[in-house]
Amino acid sequence: MTTTPRSNHILATLPREDLGRLTPHLALTSIKLGQSLYEPGSTLRHVYFPVAGIVSMLYVTTAGASAELAVVGREGMIGISLFMGDGRSPNRAVVQSECLAYRLPAAKLKEEFARRGAIHRLLLKYTQALITQISQTAVCNRHHRVEEQLSRWLLLSFDRLPGNELRMTQELIANMLGVRRQGVNQAAGELENRGLIRYKRGVITALDRAGLEAHACECYAVVRDEYRRLLPAPA
């Protein structure tokens, strides 16, 4: 797959001059499924701009349980605590779907952010969209059925992938949603019975995207529309 920095939506939206200052410092990196980019409390030495695949932001309890806060793909970046806080990660960032990303040294992003130019404005808008996703995830996990949560999660994941297939086990999905595996099994079975997805040998295929959207709770549309409003996809 041929990629350039402009394969990432944030980088693609930057004016030529702004992107030109970053380009010499961007390194295309292949990141394997399950690899951790950050752990809670770790100091950020790099930030990542995905161009393919998905990274999950997870909260991890002291007992070792985890739940997903947000998913990030080519629309965004990993490492907002670098410019929003003290440069330490409050959560875990782990690759959910094998990923290609442009890695940028933390010092270079901080230098560019301090200019208060285009990337400053873009990253603040992106952070607002990301906060919306995190907030809506919390609401969804508290008030909606597992079947609706799974539909939302699948739609957000498919939005960040080039095709209609996602390689993921039910155990991993359960960890992402913070529910029991039995609940995911039942929810996936219901979606499959309705003809919305096909689940076979760890691969989930979207068969009826419109039907899946209709079956999801309102949380998916809230998140989707906020990203579109704040960060329209570049031409």
Protein backbone atom coordinates (compact mmCIF):
# COMPACT_ATOMS: atom_id res chain seq x y z
CA MET A 1 0.00 0.00 0.00
CA THR A 2 1.37 3.41 -1.01
CA THR A 3 1.12 5.98 1.75
CA THR A 4 2.25 9.55 2.34
CA PRO A 5 1.80 11.81 5.38
CA ARG A 6 -1.33 13.14 3.68
CA SER A 7 -2.92 9.70 4.08
CA ASN A 8 -3.61 10.87 7.65
CA HIS A 9 -6.48 13.36 7.79
CA ILE A 10 -4.86 15.76 10.27
CA LEU A 11 -1.62 15.92 8.31
CA ALA A 12 -3.55 16.16 5.03
CA THR A 13 -5.40 19.24 6.26
CA LEU A 14 -2.23 21.15 7.15
CA PRO A 15 -1.06 23.91 4.78
CA ARG A 16 1.93 22.92 2.65
CA GLU A 17 4.36 25.07 4.64
CA ASP A 18 3.28 23.63 8.00
CA LEU A 19 3.47 20.04 6.80
CA GLY A 20 6.84 20.78 5.22
CA ARG A 21 8.31 21.60 8.64
CA LEU A 22 7.15 18.23 10.00
CA THR A 23 7.88 15.97 7.02
CA PRO A 24 11.65 15.53 7.62
CA HIS A 25 10.86 14.29 11.13
CA LEU A 26 8.04 11.86 10.24
CA ALA A 27 8.97 8.16 10.16
CA LEU A 28 6.57 5.59 8.71
CA THR A 29 6.26 2.78 11.24
CA SER A 30 4.59 -0.63 11.03
CA ILE A 31 2.93 -1.60 14.31
CA LYS A 32 1.79 -5.15 14.95
CA LEU A 33 -1.58 -6.28 16.31
CA GLY A 34 -1.54 -6.19 20.11
CA GLN A 35 1.52 -3.94 20.37
CA SER A 36 1.33 -1.26 23.04
CA LEU A 37 2.32 2.29 22.13
CA TYR A 38 1.86 3.74 25.61
CA GLU A 39 1.22 2.38 29.08
CA PRO A 40 -0.48 4.33 31.90
CA GLY A 41 1.99 6.78 33.41
CA SER A 42 4.58 6.43 30.66
CA THR A 43 6.32 9.51 29.27
CA LEU A 44 5.49 10.23 25.63
CA ARG A 45 8.61 10.33 23.49
CA HIS A 46 6.70 10.16 20.20
CA VAL A 47 3.21 10.78 18.87
CA TYR A 48 1.62 8.74 16.09
CA PHE A 49 -0.48 9.70 13.07
CA PRO A 50 -2.08 6.47 11.77
CA VAL A 51 -2.59 6.02 8.04
CA ALA A 52 -3.96 2.46 8.22
CA GLY A 53 -5.33 0.25 10.98
CA ILE A 54 -6.79 1.08 14.38
CA VAL A 55 -5.37 1.94 17.80
CA SER A 56 -7.51 1.54 20.92
CA MET A 57 -7.27 3.78 23.95
CA LEU A 58 -7.93 1.66 27.03
CA TYR A 59 -8.43 2.35 30.71
CA VAL A 60 -6.80 -0.32 32.86
CA THR A 61 -7.86 -0.93 36.47
CA THR A 62 -5.45 -1.86 39.24
CA ALA A 63 -6.91 -5.38 39.08
CA GLY A 64 -5.92 -5.65 35.42
CA ALA A 65 -9.37 -5.32 33.86
CA SER A 66 -9.70 -2.99 30.88
CA ALA A 67 -12.32 -1.13 28.89
CA GLU A 68 -11.98 0.83 25.69
CA LEU A 69 -12.33 4.62 25.80
CA ALA A 70 -11.95 5.39 22.10
CA VAL A 71 -10.69 4.10 18.76
CA VAL A 72 -8.28 6.07 16.60
CA GLY A 73 -7.48 5.59 12.93
CA ARG A 74 -6.34 7.71 10.02
CA GLU A 75 -8.66 10.54 11.10
CA GLY A 76 -6.57 11.31 14.17
CA MET A 77 -3.44 10.93 16.25
CA ILE A 78 -2.23 9.15 19.37
CA GLY A 79 -0.65 11.21 22.14
CA ILE A 80 -2.86 14.21 22.98
CA SER A 81 -1.56 14.31 26.57
CA LEU A 82 1.68 15.71 25.13
CA PHE A 83 0.03 19.10 24.53
CA MET A 84 -3.00 18.80 26.84
CA GLY A 85 -1.14 17.78 30.00
CA ASP A 86 2.31 16.94 31.31
CA GLY A 87 3.32 14.52 28.56
CA ARG A 88 2.47 11.36 30.50
CA SER A 89 -0.09 8.93 29.17
CA PRO A 90 -3.14 8.45 31.45
CA ASN A 91 -4.12 5.23 29.69
CA ARG A 92 -2.94 2.40 27.48
CA ALA A 93 -2.80 2.71 23.70
CA VAL A 94 -2.72 -0.67 21.96
CA VAL A 95 -3.01 -1.70 18.31
CA GLN A 96 -6.40 -3.25 17.62
CA SER A 97 -5.90 -3.79 13.88
CA GLU A 98 -2.41 -3.98 12.36
CA CYS A 99 -1.34 -0.42 11.86
CA LEU A 100 0.83 1.87 9.76
CA ALA A 101 1.53 5.23 11.34
CA TYR A 102 3.83 8.20 10.94
CA ARG A 103 5.81 8.63 14.15
CA LEU A 104 6.87 12.14 15.16
CA PRO A 105 9.26 13.03 18.02
CA ALA A 106 7.43 14.59 20.94
CA ALA A 107 9.74 17.61 21.02
CA LYS A 108 8.98 18.45 17.40
CA LEU A 109 5.21 18.36 17.93
CA LYS A 110 5.50 20.56 21.03
CA GLU A 111 7.60 23.03 19.06
CA GLU A 112 5.06 23.17 16.23
CA PHE A 113 2.09 23.34 18.63
CA ALA A 114 3.70 26.33 20.38
CA ARG A 115 3.59 28.29 17.10
CA ARG A 116 -0.21 28.49 17.57
CA GLY A 117 -0.70 27.96 13.87
CA ALA A 118 -2.70 25.47 11.83
CA ILE A 119 -1.69 22.34 13.73
CA HIS A 120 -2.54 24.03 17.04
CA ARG A 121 -6.09 24.69 15.86
CA LEU A 122 -6.48 21.26 14.26
CA LEU A 123 -5.28 19.33 17.29
CA LEU A 124 -7.59 21.23 19.63
CA LYS A 125 -10.54 20.43 17.34
CA TYR A 126 -9.45 16.80 17.19
CA THR A 127 -9.21 16.69 20.98
CA GLN A 128 -12.78 17.99 21.26
CA ALA A 129 -13.98 15.25 18.88
CA LEU A 130 -12.04 12.63 20.82
CA ILE A 131 -13.53 13.80 24.12
CA THR A 132 -16.98 13.44 22.54
CA GLN A 133 -16.16 9.84 21.61
CA ILE A 134 -14.87 9.05 25.11
CA SER A 135 -17.93 10.66 26.74
CA GLN A 136 -20.34 8.87 24.44
CA THR A 137 -18.61 5.54 25.09
CA ALA A 138 -19.18 6.02 28.82
CA VAL A 139 -22.88 6.79 28.26
CA CYS A 140 -23.28 3.85 25.88
CA ASN A 141 -21.62 1.34 28.19
CA ARG A 142 -23.86 2.45 31.06
CA HIS A 143 -27.25 2.75 29.37
CA HIS A 144 -27.38 0.61 26.22
CA ARG A 145 -27.66 -3.09 25.54
CA VAL A 146 -24.56 -5.10 24.60
CA GLU A 147 -26.04 -5.61 21.13
CA GLU A 148 -26.21 -1.83 20.63
CA GLN A 149 -22.73 -1.32 22.09
CA LEU A 150 -21.32 -3.92 19.71
CA SER A 151 -23.03 -2.28 16.73
CA ARG A 152 -21.56 1.11 17.69
CA TRP A 153 -18.10 -0.37 18.16
CA LEU A 154 -18.19 -2.22 14.85
CA LEU A 155 -19.31 0.86 12.94
CA LEU A 156 -16.57 3.03 14.46
CA SER A 157 -14.03 0.34 13.62
CA PHE A 158 -15.22 -0.12 10.03
CA ASP A 159 -15.11 3.67 9.55
CA ARG A 160 -11.37 3.48 10.17
CA LEU A 161 -10.65 0.53 7.88
CA PRO A 162 -10.47 0.47 4.08
CA GLY A 163 -12.77 -2.54 3.65
CA ASN A 164 -15.66 -4.29 5.36
CA GLU A 165 -13.69 -6.91 7.30
CA LEU A 166 -12.31 -6.81 10.84
CA ARG A 167 -10.12 -9.52 12.36
CA MET A 168 -11.03 -9.77 16.02
CA THR A 169 -11.84 -12.50 18.55
CA GLN A 170 -14.87 -12.33 20.82
CA GLU A 171 -12.57 -12.34 23.83
CA LEU A 172 -10.81 -9.20 22.61
CA ILE A 173 -14.12 -7.50 21.84
CA ALA A 174 -15.34 -8.33 25.35
CA ASN A 175 -12.19 -6.74 26.79
CA MET A 176 -12.74 -3.63 24.67
CA LEU A 177 -16.36 -3.24 25.72
CA GLY A 178 -15.74 -4.26 29.32
CA VAL A 179 -18.43 -6.98 29.22
CA ARG A 180 -18.49 -10.75 29.50
CA ARG A 181 -17.55 -12.85 26.51
CA GLN A 182 -20.92 -14.62 26.70
CA GLY A 183 -22.66 -11.28 26.20
CA VAL A 184 -20.57 -10.55 23.09
CA ASN A 185 -21.28 -14.04 21.76
CA GLN A 186 -25.03 -13.53 22.14
CA ALA A 187 -24.93 -10.02 20.65
CA ALA A 188 -22.83 -11.12 17.66
CA GLY A 189 -25.19 -14.05 17.11
CA GLU A 190 -28.19 -11.73 17.05
CA LEU A 191 -26.52 -9.39 14.52
CA GLU A 192 -25.61 -12.38 12.38
CA ASN A 193 -29.16 -13.77 12.54
CA ARG A 194 -30.43 -10.42 11.29
CA GLY A 195 -28.08 -10.61 8.32
CA LEU A 196 -26.07 -7.56 9.40
CA ILE A 197 -22.69 -9.25 9.87
CA ARG A 198 -20.94 -12.55 9.26
CA TYR A 199 -18.60 -13.86 11.95
CA LYS A 200 -16.32 -16.74 11.02
CA ARG A 201 -12.91 -17.81 12.30
CA GLY A 202 -12.20 -14.53 14.02
CA VAL A 203 -13.19 -12.37 11.04
CA ILE A 204 -16.21 -10.07 11.22
CA THR A 205 -17.64 -8.98 7.87
CA ALA A 206 -20.17 -6.15 7.52
CA LEU A 207 -22.96 -7.42 5.24
CA ASP A 208 -25.52 -4.64 5.69
CA ARG A 209 -23.96 -1.34 6.70
CA ALA A 210 -27.25 0.60 6.63
CA GLY A 211 -28.94 -2.07 8.70
CA LEU A 212 -26.11 -2.02 11.23
CA GLU A 213 -26.44 1.76 11.57
CA ALA A 214 -30.19 1.45 12.05
CA HIS A 215 -29.63 -1.19 14.71
CA ALA A 216 -27.04 0.83 16.66
CA CYS A 217 -27.93 3.28 19.41
CA GLU A 218 -27.67 7.02 18.84
CA CYS A 219 -24.12 7.07 20.24
CA TYR A 220 -22.55 6.13 16.91
CA ALA A 221 -24.21 8.99 15.01
CA VAL A 222 -23.29 11.51 17.73
CA VAL A 223 -19.61 10.59 17.47
CA ARG A 224 -19.61 10.37 13.66
CA ASP A 225 -21.30 13.73 13.22
CA GLU A 226 -18.98 15.49 15.67
CA TYR A 227 -15.91 14.29 13.79
CA ARG A 228 -17.45 15.41 10.50
CA ARG A 229 -18.32 18.82 11.93
CA LEU A 230 -14.95 19.52 13.51
CA LEU A 231 -12.65 17.64 11.12
CA PRO A 232 -14.13 17.31 7.63
CA ALA A 233 -12.30 14.68 5.60
CA PRO A 234 -9.75 16.31 3.26
CA ALA A 235 -10.45 16.23 -0.46
